[in-house]
Amino acid sequence: MDDSDVESTASILASVKEQEIQFERLTRALEDERRGVSLQLQRVKLGPDGIAPTVANGNGTLSWRWQ
């Protein structure tokens, strides 16, 4: 292995390590975003008073009923 091979190998290794770091950052950011969306969805499902809405089908129409 000559010097250029060693430099090339070191460069590839450094690039892979940087990509791993970037992947970990993106994974954490994605997980944070997922948690935020999950919390928003829970709030929507529960409604403003923390009471879960349900859809009642009576007389062929749909209406919200709070339980």
PDB file of N, CA and C in Angstrom:
ATOM      1  N   MET A   1       0.849  -1.173   0.000  1.00  0.00           N
ATOM      2  CA  MET A   1       0.000   0.000   0.000  1.00  0.00           C
ATOM      3  C   MET A   1       0.896   1.239   0.000  1.00  0.00           C
ATOM      4  N   ASP A   2       0.757   2.079  -1.028  1.00  0.00           N
ATOM      5  CA  ASP A   2       1.581   3.280  -1.061  1.00  0.00           C
ATOM      6  C   ASP A   2       0.871   4.438  -0.360  1.00  0.00           C
ATOM      7  N   ASP A   3       1.544   5.583  -0.319  1.00  0.00           N
ATOM      8  CA  ASP A   3       1.018   6.738   0.417  1.00  0.00           C
ATOM      9  C   ASP A   3      -0.340   7.204  -0.108  1.00  0.00           C
ATOM     10  N   SER A   4      -0.531   7.163  -1.414  1.00  0.00           N
ATOM     11  CA  SER A   4      -1.810   7.626  -1.969  1.00  0.00           C
ATOM     12  C   SER A   4      -2.950   6.695  -1.568  1.00  0.00           C
ATOM     13  N   ASP A   5      -2.666   5.390  -1.463  1.00  0.00           N
ATOM     14  CA  ASP A   5      -3.685   4.444  -1.006  1.00  0.00           C
ATOM     15  C   ASP A   5      -4.056   4.705   0.450  1.00  0.00           C
ATOM     16  N   VAL A   6      -3.055   4.986   1.275  1.00  0.00           N
ATOM     17  CA  VAL A   6      -3.295   5.260   2.689  1.00  0.00           C
ATOM     18  C   VAL A   6      -4.128   6.539   2.838  1.00  0.00           C
ATOM     19  N   GLU A   7      -3.767   7.575   2.069  1.00  0.00           N
ATOM     20  CA  GLU A   7      -4.516   8.830   2.121  1.00  0.00           C
ATOM     21  C   GLU A   7      -5.953   8.630   1.640  1.00  0.00           C
ATOM     22  N   SER A   8      -6.114   7.850   0.587  1.00  0.00           N
ATOM     23  CA  SER A   8      -7.450   7.579   0.062  1.00  0.00           C
ATOM     24  C   SER A   8      -8.284   6.812   1.079  1.00  0.00           C
ATOM     25  N   THR A   9      -7.691   5.819   1.708  1.00  0.00           N
ATOM     26  CA  THR A   9      -8.390   5.035   2.723  1.00  0.00           C
ATOM     27  C   THR A   9      -8.765   5.912   3.910  1.00  0.00           C
ATOM     28  N   ALA A  10      -7.850   6.755   4.350  1.00  0.00           N
ATOM     29  CA  ALA A  10      -8.117   7.655   5.470  1.00  0.00           C
ATOM     30  C   ALA A  10      -9.221   8.646   5.110  1.00  0.00           C
ATOM     31  N   SER A  11      -9.208   9.119   3.883  1.00  0.00           N
ATOM     32  CA  SER A  11     -10.234  10.056   3.432  1.00  0.00           C
ATOM     33  C   SER A  11     -11.606   9.392   3.404  1.00  0.00           C
ATOM     34  N   ILE A  12     -11.656   8.170   2.921  1.00  0.00           N
ATOM     35  CA  ILE A  12     -12.922   7.430   2.888  1.00  0.00           C
ATOM     36  C   ILE A  12     -13.422   7.187   4.304  1.00  0.00           C
ATOM     37  N   LEU A  13     -12.537   6.785   5.198  1.00  0.00           N
ATOM     38  CA  LEU A  13     -12.916   6.533   6.585  1.00  0.00           C
ATOM     39  C   LEU A  13     -13.449   7.806   7.243  1.00  0.00           C
ATOM     40  N   ALA A  14     -12.779   8.920   7.017  1.00  0.00           N
ATOM     41  CA  ALA A  14     -13.232  10.191   7.586  1.00  0.00           C
ATOM     42  C   ALA A  14     -14.611  10.562   7.036  1.00  0.00           C
ATOM     43  N   SER A  15     -14.819  10.327   5.754  1.00  0.00           N
ATOM     44  CA  SER A  15     -16.110  10.621   5.141  1.00  0.00           C
ATOM     45  C   SER A  15     -17.210   9.746   5.733  1.00  0.00           C
ATOM     46  N   VAL A  16     -16.927   8.470   5.923  1.00  0.00           N
ATOM     47  CA  VAL A  16     -17.908   7.549   6.504  1.00  0.00           C
ATOM     48  C   VAL A  16     -18.242   7.966   7.932  1.00  0.00           C
ATOM     49  N   LYS A  17     -17.230   8.339   8.706  1.00  0.00           N
ATOM     50  CA  LYS A  17     -17.474   8.770  10.087  1.00  0.00           C
ATOM     51  C   LYS A  17     -18.345  10.023  10.118  1.00  0.00           C
ATOM     52  N   GLU A  18     -18.077  10.970   9.215  1.00  0.00           N
ATOM     53  CA  GLU A  18     -18.884  12.192   9.147  1.00  0.00           C
ATOM     54  C   GLU A  18     -20.322  11.865   8.751  1.00  0.00           C
ATOM     55  N   GLN A  19     -20.493  10.937   7.836  1.00  0.00           N
ATOM     56  CA  GLN A  19     -21.842  10.526   7.434  1.00  0.00           C
ATOM     57  C   GLN A  19     -22.572   9.844   8.586  1.00  0.00           C
ATOM     58  N   GLU A  20     -21.855   9.059   9.374  1.00  0.00           N
ATOM     59  CA  GLU A  20     -22.471   8.423  10.549  1.00  0.00           C
ATOM     60  C   GLU A  20     -22.953   9.475  11.542  1.00  0.00           C
ATOM     61  N   ILE A  21     -22.139  10.492  11.775  1.00  0.00           N
ATOM     62  CA  ILE A  21     -22.514  11.578  12.687  1.00  0.00           C
ATOM     63  C   ILE A  21     -23.746  12.302  12.154  1.00  0.00           C
ATOM     64  N   GLN A  22     -23.751  12.598  10.851  1.00  0.00           N
ATOM     65  CA  GLN A  22     -24.895  13.276  10.249  1.00  0.00           C
ATOM     66  C   GLN A  22     -26.145  12.402  10.339  1.00  0.00           C
ATOM     67  N   PHE A  23     -25.999  11.104  10.117  1.00  0.00           N
ATOM     68  CA  PHE A  23     -27.129  10.181  10.216  1.00  0.00           C
ATOM     69  C   PHE A  23     -27.699  10.172  11.630  1.00  0.00           C
ATOM     70  N   GLU A  24     -26.827  10.164  12.642  1.00  0.00           N
ATOM     71  CA  GLU A  24     -27.289  10.186  14.034  1.00  0.00           C
ATOM     72  C   GLU A  24     -28.043  11.480  14.337  1.00  0.00           C
ATOM     73  N   ARG A  25     -27.535  12.610  13.848  1.00  0.00           N
ATOM     74  CA  ARG A  25     -28.223  13.896  14.055  1.00  0.00           C
ATOM     75  C   ARG A  25     -29.600  13.883  13.397  1.00  0.00           C
ATOM     76  N   LEU A  26     -29.650  13.419  12.167  1.00  0.00           N
ATOM     77  CA  LEU A  26     -30.928  13.377  11.451  1.00  0.00           C
ATOM     78  C   LEU A  26     -31.905  12.416  12.112  1.00  0.00           C
ATOM     79  N   THR A  27     -31.392  11.307  12.621  1.00  0.00           N
ATOM     80  CA  THR A  27     -32.246  10.340  13.312  1.00  0.00           C
ATOM     81  C   THR A  27     -32.848  10.962  14.562  1.00  0.00           C
ATOM     82  N   ARG A  28     -32.030  11.688  15.335  1.00  0.00           N
ATOM     83  CA  ARG A  28     -32.537  12.369  16.534  1.00  0.00           C
ATOM     84  C   ARG A  28     -33.565  13.435  16.160  1.00  0.00           C
ATOM     85  N   ALA A  29     -33.279  14.213  15.112  1.00  0.00           N
ATOM     86  CA  ALA A  29     -34.216  15.256  14.684  1.00  0.00           C
ATOM     87  C   ALA A  29     -35.530  14.640  14.215  1.00  0.00           C
ATOM     88  N   LEU A  30     -35.444  13.539  13.503  1.00  0.00           N
ATOM     89  CA  LEU A  30     -36.652  12.861  13.031  1.00  0.00           C
ATOM     90  C   LEU A  30     -37.467  12.323  14.201  1.00  0.00           C
ATOM     91  N   GLU A  31     -36.803  11.769  15.189  1.00  0.00           N
ATOM     92  CA  GLU A  31     -37.503  11.252  16.372  1.00  0.00           C
ATOM     93  C   GLU A  31     -38.160  12.397  17.146  1.00  0.00           C
ATOM     94  N   ASP A  32     -37.466  13.531  17.271  1.00  0.00           N
ATOM     95  CA  ASP A  32     -38.061  14.703  17.929  1.00  0.00           C
ATOM     96  C   ASP A  32     -39.306  15.169  17.173  1.00  0.00           C
ATOM     97  N   GLU A  33     -39.217  15.211  15.857  1.00  0.00           N
ATOM     98  CA  GLU A  33     -40.355  15.618  15.034  1.00  0.00           C
ATOM     99  C   GLU A  33     -41.508  14.631  15.187  1.00  0.00           C
ATOM    100  N   ARG A  34     -41.206  13.345  15.217  1.00  0.00           N
ATOM    101  CA  ARG A  34     -42.236  12.321  15.382  1.00  0.00           C
ATOM    102  C   ARG A  34     -42.963  12.496  16.711  1.00  0.00           C
ATOM    103  N   ARG A  35     -42.187  12.775  17.774  1.00  0.00           N
ATOM    104  CA  ARG A  35     -42.802  12.997  19.085  1.00  0.00           C
ATOM    105  C   ARG A  35     -43.719  14.219  19.061  1.00  0.00           C
ATOM    106  N   GLY A  36     -43.260  15.288  18.420  1.00  0.00           N
ATOM    107  CA  GLY A  36     -44.070  16.500  18.333  1.00  0.00           C
ATOM    108  C   GLY A  36     -45.369  16.266  17.576  1.00  0.00           C
ATOM    109  N   VAL A  37     -45.291  15.568  16.472  1.00  0.00           N
ATOM    110  CA  VAL A  37     -46.492  15.270  15.689  1.00  0.00           C
ATOM    111  C   VAL A  37     -47.420  14.366  16.483  1.00  0.00           C
ATOM    112  N   SER A  38     -46.851  13.409  17.200  1.00  0.00           N
ATOM    113  CA  SER A  38     -47.661  12.504  18.020  1.00  0.00           C
ATOM    114  C   SER A  38     -48.413  13.281  19.102  1.00  0.00           C
ATOM    115  N   LEU A  39     -47.744  14.233  19.746  1.00  0.00           N
ATOM    116  CA  LEU A  39     -48.401  15.060  20.762  1.00  0.00           C
ATOM    117  C   LEU A  39     -49.515  15.907  20.152  1.00  0.00           C
ATOM    118  N   GLN A  40     -49.259  16.476  18.974  1.00  0.00           N
ATOM    119  CA  GLN A  40     -50.293  17.267  18.303  1.00  0.00           C
ATOM    120  C   GLN A  40     -51.499  16.395  17.970  1.00  0.00           C
ATOM    121  N   LEU A  41     -51.250  15.192  17.501  1.00  0.00           N
ATOM    122  CA  LEU A  41     -52.335  14.278  17.160  1.00  0.00           C
ATOM    123  C   LEU A  41     -53.144  13.911  18.399  1.00  0.00           C
ATOM    124  N   GLN A  42     -52.462  13.694  19.522  1.00  0.00           N
ATOM    125  CA  GLN A  42     -53.175  13.388  20.764  1.00  0.00           C
ATOM    126  C   GLN A  42     -54.060  14.557  21.177  1.00  0.00           C
ATOM    127  N   ARG A  43     -53.547  15.792  21.031  1.00  0.00           N
ATOM    128  CA  ARG A  43     -54.339  16.976  21.383  1.00  0.00           C
ATOM    129  C   ARG A  43     -55.575  17.090  20.495  1.00  0.00           C
ATOM    130  N   VAL A  44     -55.406  16.817  19.217  1.00  0.00           N
ATOM    131  CA  VAL A  44     -56.539  16.884  18.293  1.00  0.00           C
ATOM    132  C   VAL A  44     -57.556  15.812  18.639  1.00  0.00           C
ATOM    133  N   LYS A  45     -57.086  14.615  18.946  1.00  0.00           N
ATOM    134  CA  LYS A  45     -57.990  13.522  19.291  1.00  0.00           C
ATOM    135  C   LYS A  45     -58.747  13.820  20.581  1.00  0.00           C
ATOM    136  N   LEU A  46     -58.090  14.461  21.531  1.00  0.00           N
ATOM    137  CA  LEU A  46     -58.724  14.741  22.814  1.00  0.00           C
ATOM    138  C   LEU A  46     -59.616  15.971  22.773  1.00  0.00           C
ATOM    139  N   GLY A  47     -59.325  16.908  21.909  1.00  0.00           N
ATOM    140  CA  GLY A  47     -60.122  18.122  21.844  1.00  0.00           C
ATOM    141  C   GLY A  47     -59.661  19.140  22.869  1.00  0.00           C
ATOM    142  N   PRO A  48     -60.294  20.309  22.878  1.00  0.00           N
ATOM    143  CA  PRO A  48     -59.834  21.412  23.721  1.00  0.00           C
ATOM    144  C   PRO A  48     -60.005  21.166  25.219  1.00  0.00           C
ATOM    145  N   ASP A  49     -60.958  20.342  25.606  1.00  0.00           N
ATOM    146  CA  ASP A  49     -61.203  20.099  27.029  1.00  0.00           C
ATOM    147  C   ASP A  49     -60.600  18.790  27.519  1.00  0.00           C
ATOM    148  N   GLY A  50     -59.808  18.138  26.672  1.00  0.00           N
ATOM    149  CA  GLY A  50     -59.238  16.856  27.058  1.00  0.00           C
ATOM    150  C   GLY A  50     -60.242  15.726  26.996  1.00  0.00           C
ATOM    151  N   ILE A  51     -61.348  15.976  26.297  1.00  0.00           N
ATOM    152  CA  ILE A  51     -62.392  14.964  26.166  1.00  0.00           C
ATOM    153  C   ILE A  51     -62.371  14.461  24.730  1.00  0.00           C
ATOM    154  N   ALA A  52     -62.372  13.158  24.558  1.00  0.00           N
ATOM    155  CA  ALA A  52     -62.267  12.583  23.224  1.00  0.00           C
ATOM    156  C   ALA A  52     -63.579  12.702  22.456  1.00  0.00           C
ATOM    157  N   PRO A  53     -63.527  13.259  21.240  1.00  0.00           N
ATOM    158  CA  PRO A  53     -64.740  13.325  20.423  1.00  0.00           C
ATOM    159  C   PRO A  53     -65.009  11.982  19.750  1.00  0.00           C
ATOM    160  N   THR A  54     -66.250  11.696  19.497  1.00  0.00           N
ATOM    161  CA  THR A  54     -66.613  10.527  18.707  1.00  0.00           C
ATOM    162  C   THR A  54     -67.586  10.979  17.630  1.00  0.00           C
ATOM    163  N   VAL A  55     -67.660  10.220  16.579  1.00  0.00           N
ATOM    164  CA  VAL A  55     -68.581  10.541  15.499  1.00  0.00           C
ATOM    165  C   VAL A  55     -69.820   9.687  15.670  1.00  0.00           C
ATOM    166  N   ALA A  56     -70.977  10.347  15.782  1.00  0.00           N
ATOM    167  CA  ALA A  56     -72.241   9.626  15.939  1.00  0.00           C
ATOM    168  C   ALA A  56     -72.977   9.651  14.609  1.00  0.00           C
ATOM    169  N   ASN A  57     -73.474   8.515  14.191  1.00  0.00           N
ATOM    170  CA  ASN A  57     -74.207   8.424  12.937  1.00  0.00           C
ATOM    171  C   ASN A  57     -75.671   8.179  13.260  1.00  0.00           C
ATOM    172  N   GLY A  58     -76.467   9.226  13.192  1.00  0.00           N
ATOM    173  CA  GLY A  58     -77.899   9.100  13.451  1.00  0.00           C
ATOM    174  C   GLY A  58     -78.668   9.725  12.304  1.00  0.00           C
ATOM    175  N   ASN A  59     -79.682   9.082  11.857  1.00  0.00           N
ATOM    176  CA  ASN A  59     -80.513   9.575  10.752  1.00  0.00           C
ATOM    177  C   ASN A  59     -79.708   9.805   9.475  1.00  0.00           C
ATOM    178  N   GLY A  60     -78.671   9.039   9.278  1.00  0.00           N
ATOM    179  CA  GLY A  60     -77.875   9.155   8.061  1.00  0.00           C
ATOM    180  C   GLY A  60     -76.963  10.360   8.011  1.00  0.00           C
ATOM    181  N   THR A  61     -76.805  11.088   9.123  1.00  0.00           N
ATOM    182  CA  THR A  61     -75.918  12.249   9.153  1.00  0.00           C
ATOM    183  C   THR A  61     -74.803  12.006  10.159  1.00  0.00           C
ATOM    184  N   LEU A  62     -73.721  12.699   9.966  1.00  0.00           N
ATOM    185  CA  LEU A  62     -72.589  12.592  10.884  1.00  0.00           C
ATOM    186  C   LEU A  62     -72.523  13.846  11.734  1.00  0.00           C
ATOM    187  N   SER A  63     -72.308  13.680  13.014  1.00  0.00           N
ATOM    188  CA  SER A  63     -72.139  14.833  13.898  1.00  0.00           C
ATOM    189  C   SER A  63     -71.151  14.465  14.994  1.00  0.00           C
ATOM    190  N   TRP A  64     -70.505  15.475  15.552  1.00  0.00           N
ATOM    191  CA  TRP A  64     -69.550  15.249  16.635  1.00  0.00           C
ATOM    192  C   TRP A  64     -70.294  15.128  17.951  1.00  0.00           C
ATOM    193  N   ARG A  65     -69.908  14.166  18.734  1.00  0.00           N
ATOM    194  CA  ARG A  65     -70.472  13.998  20.071  1.00  0.00           C
ATOM    195  C   ARG A  65     -69.295  13.877  21.035  1.00  0.00           C
ATOM    196  N   TRP A  66     -69.276  14.694  22.070  1.00  0.00           N
ATOM    197  CA  TRP A  66     -68.176  14.672  23.037  1.00  0.00           C
ATOM    198  C   TRP A  66     -68.514  13.717  24.163  1.00  0.00           C
ATOM    199  N   GLN A  67     -67.563  12.861  24.488  1.00  0.00           N
ATOM    200  CA  GLN A  67     -67.762  11.909  25.588  1.00  0.00           C
ATOM    201  C   GLN A  67     -66.915  12.303  26.771  1.00  0.00           C
TER     202      GLN A  67
END
